[in-house]
C-alpha atoms as a PDB file:
ATOM      1  CA  UNK A   1       3.467   6.056   2.405  1.00  0.00           C
ATOM      2  CA  UNK A   2       5.816   8.336   4.288  1.00  0.00           C
ATOM      3  CA  UNK A   3       4.421   9.161   7.708  1.00  0.00           C
ATOM      4  CA  UNK A   4       5.662  12.663   8.353  1.00  0.00           C
ATOM      5  CA  UNK A   5       2.634  14.795   9.252  1.00  0.00           C
ATOM      6  CA  UNK A   6      -0.136  14.189  11.765  1.00  0.00           C
ATOM      7  CA  UNK A   7      -2.710  13.796   8.998  1.00  0.00           C
ATOM      8  CA  UNK A   8      -0.619  11.006   7.418  1.00  0.00           C
ATOM      9  CA  UNK A   9      -1.242   8.743  10.411  1.00  0.00           C
ATOM     10  CA  UNK A  10      -4.354   6.671  11.055  1.00  0.00           C
ATOM     11  CA  UNK A  11      -6.788   8.734  13.070  1.00  0.00           C
ATOM     12  CA  UNK A  12      -4.241  11.557  13.249  1.00  0.00           C
ATOM     13  CA  UNK A  13      -2.427   9.553  15.926  1.00  0.00           C
ATOM     14  CA  UNK A  14       1.296   9.993  15.318  1.00  0.00           C
ATOM     15  CA  UNK A  15       2.070   6.889  17.398  1.00  0.00           C
ATOM     16  CA  UNK A  16       0.061   4.697  15.005  1.00  0.00           C
ATOM     17  CA  UNK A  17       1.902   2.179  12.846  1.00  0.00           C
ATOM     18  CA  UNK A  18      -0.626   2.729  10.066  1.00  0.00           C
ATOM     19  CA  UNK A  19      -1.259   5.455   7.537  1.00  0.00           C
ATOM     20  CA  UNK A  20      -4.539   7.252   7.056  1.00  0.00           C
ATOM     21  CA  UNK A  21      -5.305   5.130   3.975  1.00  0.00           C
ATOM     22  CA  UNK A  22      -4.842   1.780   5.731  1.00  0.00           C
ATOM     23  CA  UNK A  23      -7.026   2.437   8.741  1.00  0.00           C
ATOM     24  CA  UNK A  24     -10.414   3.924   9.480  1.00  0.00           C
ATOM     25  CA  UNK A  25     -10.953   7.128  11.475  1.00  0.00           C
ATOM     26  CA  UNK A  26     -10.755   5.204  14.747  1.00  0.00           C
ATOM     27  CA  UNK A  27      -7.389   3.729  13.755  1.00  0.00           C
ATOM     28  CA  UNK A  28      -8.634   0.198  13.033  1.00  0.00           C
ATOM     29  CA  UNK A  29      -6.833  -1.501  10.170  1.00  0.00           C
ATOM     30  CA  UNK A  30      -8.988  -1.954   7.069  1.00  0.00           C
ATOM     31  CA  UNK A  31      -9.243  -5.361   5.411  1.00  0.00           C
ATOM     32  CA  UNK A  32      -6.340  -6.514   3.297  1.00  0.00           C
ATOM     33  CA  UNK A  33      -8.570  -6.577   0.238  1.00  0.00           C
ATOM     34  CA  UNK A  34      -9.715  -2.994   0.786  1.00  0.00           C
ATOM     35  CA  UNK A  35      -6.156  -1.735   1.214  1.00  0.00           C
ATOM     36  CA  UNK A  36      -4.929  -3.793  -1.737  1.00  0.00           C
ATOM     37  CA  UNK A  37      -7.679  -2.495  -4.035  1.00  0.00           C
ATOM     38  CA  UNK A  38      -6.990   1.076  -2.911  1.00  0.00           C
ATOM     39  CA  UNK A  39      -3.297   0.602  -3.662  1.00  0.00           C
ATOM     40  CA  UNK A  40      -4.025  -0.813  -7.104  1.00  0.00           C
ATOM     41  CA  UNK A  41      -6.330   2.114  -7.888  1.00  0.00           C
ATOM     42  CA  UNK A  42      -3.704   4.591  -6.690  1.00  0.00           C
ATOM     43  CA  UNK A  43      -0.902   3.093  -8.780  1.00  0.00           C
ATOM     44  CA  UNK A  44      -3.163   2.864 -11.835  1.00  0.00           C
ATOM     45  CA  UNK A  45      -3.994   6.552 -11.414  1.00  0.00           C
ATOM     46  CA  UNK A  46      -0.276   7.279 -11.485  1.00  0.00           C
ATOM     47  CA  UNK A  47       1.030   4.882 -14.143  1.00  0.00           C
ATOM     48  CA  UNK A  48      -1.966   4.346 -16.391  1.00  0.00           C
ATOM     49  CA  UNK A  49      -4.226   1.380 -16.976  1.00  0.00           C
ATOM     50  CA  UNK A  50      -1.614  -1.342 -16.410  1.00  0.00           C
ATOM     51  CA  UNK A  51      -3.547  -3.231 -13.745  1.00  0.00           C
ATOM     52  CA  UNK A  52      -1.116  -6.155 -13.714  1.00  0.00           C
ATOM     53  CA  UNK A  53       1.805  -3.872 -12.868  1.00  0.00           C
ATOM     54  CA  UNK A  54      -0.293  -1.927 -10.341  1.00  0.00           C
ATOM     55  CA  UNK A  55      -1.131  -5.206  -8.584  1.00  0.00           C
ATOM     56  CA  UNK A  56       2.515  -6.315  -8.598  1.00  0.00           C
ATOM     57  CA  UNK A  57       3.690  -2.992  -7.160  1.00  0.00           C
ATOM     58  CA  UNK A  58       0.947  -2.980  -4.530  1.00  0.00           C
ATOM     59  CA  UNK A  59       1.856  -6.529  -3.470  1.00  0.00           C
ATOM     60  CA  UNK A  60       5.524  -5.627  -3.186  1.00  0.00           C
ATOM     61  CA  UNK A  61       4.688  -2.535  -1.174  1.00  0.00           C
ATOM     62  CA  UNK A  62       2.304  -4.296   1.209  1.00  0.00           C
ATOM     63  CA  UNK A  63       4.444  -7.428   1.602  1.00  0.00           C
ATOM     64  CA  UNK A  64       7.321  -5.265   2.824  1.00  0.00           C
ATOM     65  CA  UNK A  65       5.248  -4.102   5.804  1.00  0.00           C
ATOM     66  CA  UNK A  66       5.551  -6.088   9.051  1.00  0.00           C
ATOM     67  CA  UNK A  67       1.781  -6.174   9.572  1.00  0.00           C
ATOM     68  CA  UNK A  68       1.181  -7.993   6.280  1.00  0.00           C
ATOM     69  CA  UNK A  69       4.147 -10.297   6.818  1.00  0.00           C
ATOM     70  CA  UNK A  70       2.388 -11.491   9.970  1.00  0.00           C
ATOM     71  CA  UNK A  71      -1.176 -11.539   8.601  1.00  0.00           C
ATOM     72  CA  UNK A  72      -1.918 -13.919   5.763  1.00  0.00           C
ATOM     73  CA  UNK A  73      -3.998 -12.477   2.962  1.00  0.00           C
ATOM     74  CA  UNK A  74      -5.025 -14.198  -0.251  1.00  0.00           C
ATOM     75  CA  UNK A  75      -4.761 -11.077  -2.430  1.00  0.00           C
ATOM     76  CA  UNK A  76      -1.076 -10.728  -1.530  1.00  0.00           C
ATOM     77  CA  UNK A  77      -0.293 -14.142  -2.984  1.00  0.00           C
ATOM     78  CA  UNK A  78       0.885 -13.672  -6.514  1.00  0.00           C
ATOM     79  CA  UNK A  79       3.547 -12.033  -8.575  1.00  0.00           C
ATOM     80  CA  UNK A  80       5.325  -9.026  -7.094  1.00  0.00           C
ATOM     81  CA  UNK A  81       7.236  -6.276  -8.856  1.00  0.00           C
ATOM     82  CA  UNK A  82      10.984  -6.666  -9.079  1.00  0.00           C
ATOM     83  CA  UNK A  83      13.141  -4.167  -7.223  1.00  0.00           C
ATOM     84  CA  UNK A  84      13.836  -2.479 -10.556  1.00  0.00           C
ATOM     85  CA  UNK A  85      10.165  -2.267 -11.533  1.00  0.00           C
ATOM     86  CA  UNK A  86       9.271  -0.939  -8.100  1.00  0.00           C
ATOM     87  CA  UNK A  87      11.990   1.723  -8.203  1.00  0.00           C
ATOM     88  CA  UNK A  88      10.928   2.773 -11.705  1.00  0.00           C
ATOM     89  CA  UNK A  89       7.296   3.176 -10.680  1.00  0.00           C
ATOM     90  CA  UNK A  90       8.218   5.123  -7.552  1.00  0.00           C
ATOM     91  CA  UNK A  91      10.448   7.435  -9.589  1.00  0.00           C
ATOM     92  CA  UNK A  92       7.477   8.235 -11.842  1.00  0.00           C
ATOM     93  CA  UNK A  93       5.228   9.202  -8.954  1.00  0.00           C
ATOM     94  CA  UNK A  94       7.816  10.756  -6.622  1.00  0.00           C
END
Protein backbone atom coordinates (compact mmCIF):
# COMPACT_ATOMS: atom_id res chain seq x y z
CA UNK A 1 0.00 0.00 0.00
CA UNK A 2 1.39 3.41 -0.85
CA UNK A 3 1.97 5.43 2.29
CA UNK A 4 1.32 8.98 1.19
CA UNK A 5 -1.25 10.47 3.58
CA UNK A 6 -1.33 10.52 7.37
CA UNK A 7 -4.34 8.20 7.45
CA UNK A 8 -2.42 5.60 5.39
CA UNK A 9 0.02 5.03 8.26
CA UNK A 10 -0.57 2.85 11.31
CA UNK A 11 -2.09 4.97 14.03
CA UNK A 12 -1.80 8.04 11.80
CA UNK A 13 1.91 8.13 12.65
CA UNK A 14 3.75 9.11 9.48
CA UNK A 15 7.02 7.73 10.88
CA UNK A 16 5.52 4.23 11.13
CA UNK A 17 6.81 1.51 8.82
CA UNK A 18 3.34 -0.02 8.68
CA UNK A 19 0.11 0.87 6.95
CA UNK A 20 -3.22 1.33 8.66
CA UNK A 21 -4.34 -2.15 7.54
CA UNK A 22 -1.32 -3.97 8.99
CA UNK A 23 -1.40 -2.47 12.46
CA UNK A 24 -3.96 -1.70 15.12
CA UNK A 25 -4.85 1.83 16.26
CA UNK A 26 -1.90 1.88 18.66
CA UNK A 27 0.49 0.98 15.84
CA UNK A 28 1.11 -2.63 16.90
CA UNK A 29 1.56 -5.02 14.00
CA UNK A 30 -1.33 -7.45 13.56
CA UNK A 31 -0.66 -11.17 13.26
CA UNK A 32 0.64 -12.46 9.96
CA UNK A 33 -2.48 -14.57 9.53
CA UNK A 34 -4.77 -11.58 10.07
CA UNK A 35 -2.87 -9.45 7.56
CA UNK A 36 -2.66 -12.32 5.08
CA UNK A 37 -6.39 -13.04 5.29
CA UNK A 38 -7.17 -9.33 4.89
CA UNK A 39 -4.95 -9.19 1.81
CA UNK A 40 -6.61 -12.25 0.29
CA UNK A 41 -10.05 -10.75 0.90
CA UNK A 42 -8.97 -7.45 -0.65
CA UNK A 43 -7.54 -9.04 -3.79
CA UNK A 44 -10.59 -11.29 -4.16
CA UNK A 45 -12.80 -8.20 -3.96
CA UNK A 46 -10.81 -6.72 -6.82
CA UNK A 47 -10.20 -9.71 -9.10
CA UNK A 48 -13.12 -12.00 -8.34
CA UNK A 49 -13.38 -15.32 -6.56
CA UNK A 50 -9.96 -16.68 -7.57
CA UNK A 51 -8.75 -17.42 -4.05
CA UNK A 52 -5.64 -19.25 -5.25
CA UNK A 53 -4.46 -16.21 -7.20
CA UNK A 54 -5.41 -13.86 -4.36
CA UNK A 55 -3.28 -15.94 -1.98
CA UNK A 56 -0.35 -15.98 -4.41
CA UNK A 57 -0.50 -12.21 -4.91
CA UNK A 58 -0.82 -11.58 -1.17
CA UNK A 59 2.19 -13.80 -0.47
CA UNK A 60 4.27 -12.01 -3.09
CA UNK A 61 3.24 -8.64 -1.70
CA UNK A 62 3.94 -9.53 1.93
CA UNK A 63 7.17 -11.43 1.22
CA UNK A 64 8.60 -8.31 -0.43
CA UNK A 65 8.31 -6.38 2.84
CA UNK A 66 11.35 -6.37 5.16
CA UNK A 67 9.24 -7.11 8.24
CA UNK A 68 7.95 -10.40 6.80
CA UNK A 69 11.37 -11.33 5.45
CA UNK A 70 12.60 -11.21 9.04
CA UNK A 71 9.55 -12.79 10.70
CA UNK A 72 8.72 -16.36 9.77
CA UNK A 73 5.06 -17.04 9.14
CA UNK A 74 3.50 -20.31 8.04
CA UNK A 75 0.84 -18.71 5.83
CA UNK A 76 3.55 -17.07 3.71
CA UNK A 77 5.01 -20.45 2.79
CA UNK A 78 3.57 -21.50 -0.50
CA UNK A 79 3.29 -20.50 -4.10
CA UNK A 80 3.72 -16.82 -4.94
CA UNK A 81 2.55 -14.92 -8.00
CA UNK A 82 5.06 -14.44 -10.77
CA UNK A 83 6.20 -10.91 -11.54
CA UNK A 84 3.92 -10.97 -14.58
CA UNK A 85 0.88 -12.17 -12.63
CA UNK A 86 1.53 -9.59 -9.93
CA UNK A 87 1.86 -6.75 -12.45
CA UNK A 88 -1.33 -7.86 -14.21
CA UNK A 89 -3.32 -7.90 -10.98
CA UNK A 90 -1.99 -4.51 -9.91
CA UNK A 91 -2.87 -3.04 -13.31
CA UNK A 92 -6.47 -4.20 -12.82
CA UNK A 93 -6.82 -2.53 -9.44
CA UNK A 94 -4.65 0.55 -10.03
